[in-house]
Amino acid sequence: MVKTPCNISDEFYAQLRAEFSEEQIIEIAAHAAFENNRSRFNRVFDIGSDSLYCLLAAPKQPPL
């Protein structure tokens, strides 16, 4: 949904309808559009990460 152009195929829409209600598909599309807009806006002004997100190290396995 964030490709340019943002058209989706009838087949993909049918897959969405099999899993989600119309309201849920609208919500998914709205979130995808918001994130796409936000990320493009940030790139225009070279806004980087605020480092709130980081990958956590994998938990250590106890010895056997």
N, C-alpha and C. Protein backbone atom coordinates (compact mmCIF):
# COMPACT_ATOMS: atom_id res chain seq x y z
N MET A 1 0.81 -1.21 0.00
CA MET A 1 0.00 0.00 0.00
C MET A 1 0.85 1.26 0.00
N VAL A 2 2.14 1.13 0.21
CA VAL A 2 2.97 2.33 0.23
C VAL A 2 3.83 2.46 -1.03
N LYS A 3 3.63 1.58 -1.99
CA LYS A 3 4.33 1.71 -3.26
C LYS A 3 3.79 2.90 -4.02
N THR A 4 4.56 3.36 -4.99
CA THR A 4 4.08 4.43 -5.86
C THR A 4 3.97 3.85 -7.26
N PRO A 5 2.83 3.83 -7.90
CA PRO A 5 1.53 4.27 -7.38
C PRO A 5 1.00 3.27 -6.35
N CYS A 6 0.06 3.72 -5.58
CA CYS A 6 -0.41 2.92 -4.44
C CYS A 6 -1.64 2.08 -4.76
N ASN A 7 -1.79 1.70 -6.02
CA ASN A 7 -2.92 0.84 -6.39
C ASN A 7 -2.67 -0.57 -5.90
N ILE A 8 -3.73 -1.26 -5.49
CA ILE A 8 -3.62 -2.67 -5.13
C ILE A 8 -4.51 -3.46 -6.07
N SER A 9 -4.12 -4.71 -6.30
CA SER A 9 -4.87 -5.55 -7.23
C SER A 9 -6.18 -6.02 -6.60
N ASP A 10 -7.08 -6.45 -7.46
CA ASP A 10 -8.34 -7.02 -6.99
C ASP A 10 -8.08 -8.29 -6.18
N GLU A 11 -7.07 -9.05 -6.58
CA GLU A 11 -6.72 -10.28 -5.87
C GLU A 11 -6.26 -9.97 -4.45
N PHE A 12 -5.41 -8.96 -4.30
CA PHE A 12 -4.93 -8.59 -2.97
C PHE A 12 -6.08 -8.07 -2.11
N TYR A 13 -6.96 -7.28 -2.71
CA TYR A 13 -8.12 -6.77 -1.97
C TYR A 13 -9.00 -7.93 -1.51
N ALA A 14 -9.16 -8.94 -2.36
CA ALA A 14 -9.96 -10.10 -1.98
C ALA A 14 -9.31 -10.84 -0.81
N GLN A 15 -7.97 -10.92 -0.79
CA GLN A 15 -7.28 -11.54 0.34
C GLN A 15 -7.51 -10.74 1.62
N LEU A 16 -7.48 -9.43 1.51
CA LEU A 16 -7.76 -8.59 2.68
C LEU A 16 -9.17 -8.82 3.18
N ARG A 17 -10.14 -8.86 2.26
CA ARG A 17 -11.54 -9.04 2.64
C ARG A 17 -11.78 -10.40 3.30
N ALA A 18 -10.95 -11.38 2.97
CA ALA A 18 -11.10 -12.70 3.57
C ALA A 18 -10.67 -12.69 5.03
N GLU A 19 -9.82 -11.75 5.40
CA GLU A 19 -9.26 -11.70 6.76
C GLU A 19 -9.80 -10.55 7.61
N PHE A 20 -10.21 -9.45 6.96
CA PHE A 20 -10.58 -8.23 7.69
C PHE A 20 -11.93 -7.71 7.23
N SER A 21 -12.59 -6.96 8.12
CA SER A 21 -13.84 -6.28 7.75
C SER A 21 -13.50 -5.05 6.94
N GLU A 22 -14.51 -4.48 6.32
CA GLU A 22 -14.31 -3.24 5.54
C GLU A 22 -13.74 -2.13 6.41
N GLU A 23 -14.25 -2.01 7.63
CA GLU A 23 -13.77 -0.99 8.56
C GLU A 23 -12.30 -1.21 8.91
N GLN A 24 -11.91 -2.47 9.10
CA GLN A 24 -10.52 -2.78 9.42
C GLN A 24 -9.59 -2.47 8.24
N ILE A 25 -10.04 -2.75 7.03
CA ILE A 25 -9.24 -2.44 5.84
C ILE A 25 -9.05 -0.94 5.72
N ILE A 26 -10.09 -0.18 6.01
CA ILE A 26 -9.97 1.29 5.98
C ILE A 26 -8.95 1.74 7.02
N GLU A 27 -8.99 1.15 8.20
CA GLU A 27 -8.03 1.50 9.26
C GLU A 27 -6.61 1.15 8.86
N ILE A 28 -6.41 -0.02 8.26
CA ILE A 28 -5.08 -0.42 7.79
C ILE A 28 -4.58 0.57 6.74
N ALA A 29 -5.43 0.91 5.80
CA ALA A 29 -5.03 1.85 4.74
C ALA A 29 -4.70 3.22 5.33
N ALA A 30 -5.47 3.67 6.32
CA ALA A 30 -5.22 4.97 6.94
C ALA A 30 -3.87 4.96 7.65
N HIS A 31 -3.55 3.88 8.36
CA HIS A 31 -2.26 3.80 9.05
C HIS A 31 -1.11 3.74 8.06
N ALA A 32 -1.27 2.97 6.99
CA ALA A 32 -0.22 2.90 5.96
C ALA A 32 0.00 4.27 5.34
N ALA A 33 -1.08 4.99 5.04
CA ALA A 33 -0.95 6.33 4.45
C ALA A 33 -0.28 7.30 5.42
N PHE A 34 -0.64 7.22 6.70
CA PHE A 34 -0.04 8.10 7.70
C PHE A 34 1.46 7.85 7.82
N GLU A 35 1.85 6.57 7.92
CA GLU A 35 3.27 6.24 8.05
C GLU A 35 4.05 6.64 6.81
N ASN A 36 3.46 6.45 5.64
CA ASN A 36 4.11 6.86 4.40
C ASN A 36 4.32 8.37 4.39
N ASN A 37 3.30 9.12 4.77
CA ASN A 37 3.39 10.58 4.82
C ASN A 37 4.44 11.02 5.85
N ARG A 38 4.41 10.41 7.03
CA ARG A 38 5.34 10.78 8.09
C ARG A 38 6.78 10.52 7.66
N SER A 39 7.03 9.38 7.07
CA SER A 39 8.41 9.05 6.70
C SER A 39 8.91 9.96 5.58
N ARG A 40 8.06 10.31 4.65
CA ARG A 40 8.47 11.24 3.58
C ARG A 40 8.71 12.65 4.13
N PHE A 41 7.88 13.08 5.05
CA PHE A 41 8.07 14.38 5.68
C PHE A 41 9.40 14.43 6.41
N ASN A 42 9.70 13.37 7.16
CA ASN A 42 10.96 13.33 7.91
C ASN A 42 12.17 13.37 6.98
N ARG A 43 12.08 12.72 5.83
CA ARG A 43 13.21 12.73 4.89
C ARG A 43 13.44 14.10 4.30
N VAL A 44 12.37 14.85 4.03
CA VAL A 44 12.52 16.20 3.47
C VAL A 44 13.35 17.07 4.40
N PHE A 45 13.12 16.95 5.70
CA PHE A 45 13.81 17.79 6.68
C PHE A 45 14.95 17.06 7.38
N ASP A 46 15.34 15.89 6.83
CA ASP A 46 16.45 15.10 7.36
C ASP A 46 16.30 14.86 8.86
N ILE A 47 15.08 14.49 9.25
CA ILE A 47 14.80 14.19 10.65
C ILE A 47 15.16 12.74 10.90
N GLY A 48 16.10 12.51 11.79
CA GLY A 48 16.54 11.15 12.09
C GLY A 48 15.80 10.56 13.26
N SER A 49 16.26 9.42 13.66
CA SER A 49 15.66 8.71 14.78
C SER A 49 15.94 9.42 16.09
N ASP A 50 15.01 9.33 17.03
CA ASP A 50 15.25 9.87 18.36
C ASP A 50 15.73 8.77 19.30
N SER A 51 16.05 7.62 18.73
CA SER A 51 16.62 6.48 19.44
C SER A 51 15.69 5.91 20.52
N LEU A 52 14.39 6.11 20.36
CA LEU A 52 13.46 5.51 21.31
C LEU A 52 13.29 4.02 21.04
N TYR A 53 13.56 3.62 19.82
CA TYR A 53 13.41 2.22 19.45
C TYR A 53 14.79 1.61 19.31
N CYS A 54 14.99 0.48 19.92
CA CYS A 54 16.24 -0.25 19.73
C CYS A 54 15.96 -1.74 19.84
N LEU A 55 16.75 -2.52 19.14
CA LEU A 55 16.60 -3.96 19.21
C LEU A 55 17.19 -4.46 20.51
N LEU A 56 16.48 -5.34 21.15
CA LEU A 56 16.98 -5.92 22.39
C LEU A 56 17.82 -7.14 22.06
N ALA A 57 18.83 -7.36 22.84
CA ALA A 57 19.65 -8.55 22.64
C ALA A 57 18.82 -9.78 22.93
N ALA A 58 19.13 -10.85 22.22
CA ALA A 58 18.42 -12.11 22.43
C ALA A 58 18.70 -12.61 23.85
N PRO A 59 17.70 -13.14 24.52
CA PRO A 59 17.93 -13.63 25.88
C PRO A 59 18.96 -14.75 25.87
N LYS A 60 19.78 -14.77 26.91
CA LYS A 60 20.80 -15.82 27.03
C LYS A 60 20.12 -17.14 27.41
N GLN A 61 20.57 -18.19 26.79
CA GLN A 61 20.05 -19.51 27.09
C GLN A 61 20.74 -20.07 28.33
N PRO A 62 20.00 -20.62 29.27
CA PRO A 62 20.63 -21.21 30.46
C PRO A 62 21.45 -22.45 30.06
N PRO A 63 22.54 -22.70 30.77
CA PRO A 63 23.33 -23.89 30.43
C PRO A 63 22.52 -25.16 30.71
N LEU A 64 22.79 -26.18 29.91
CA LEU A 64 22.07 -27.46 30.08
C LEU A 64 22.70 -28.32 31.15
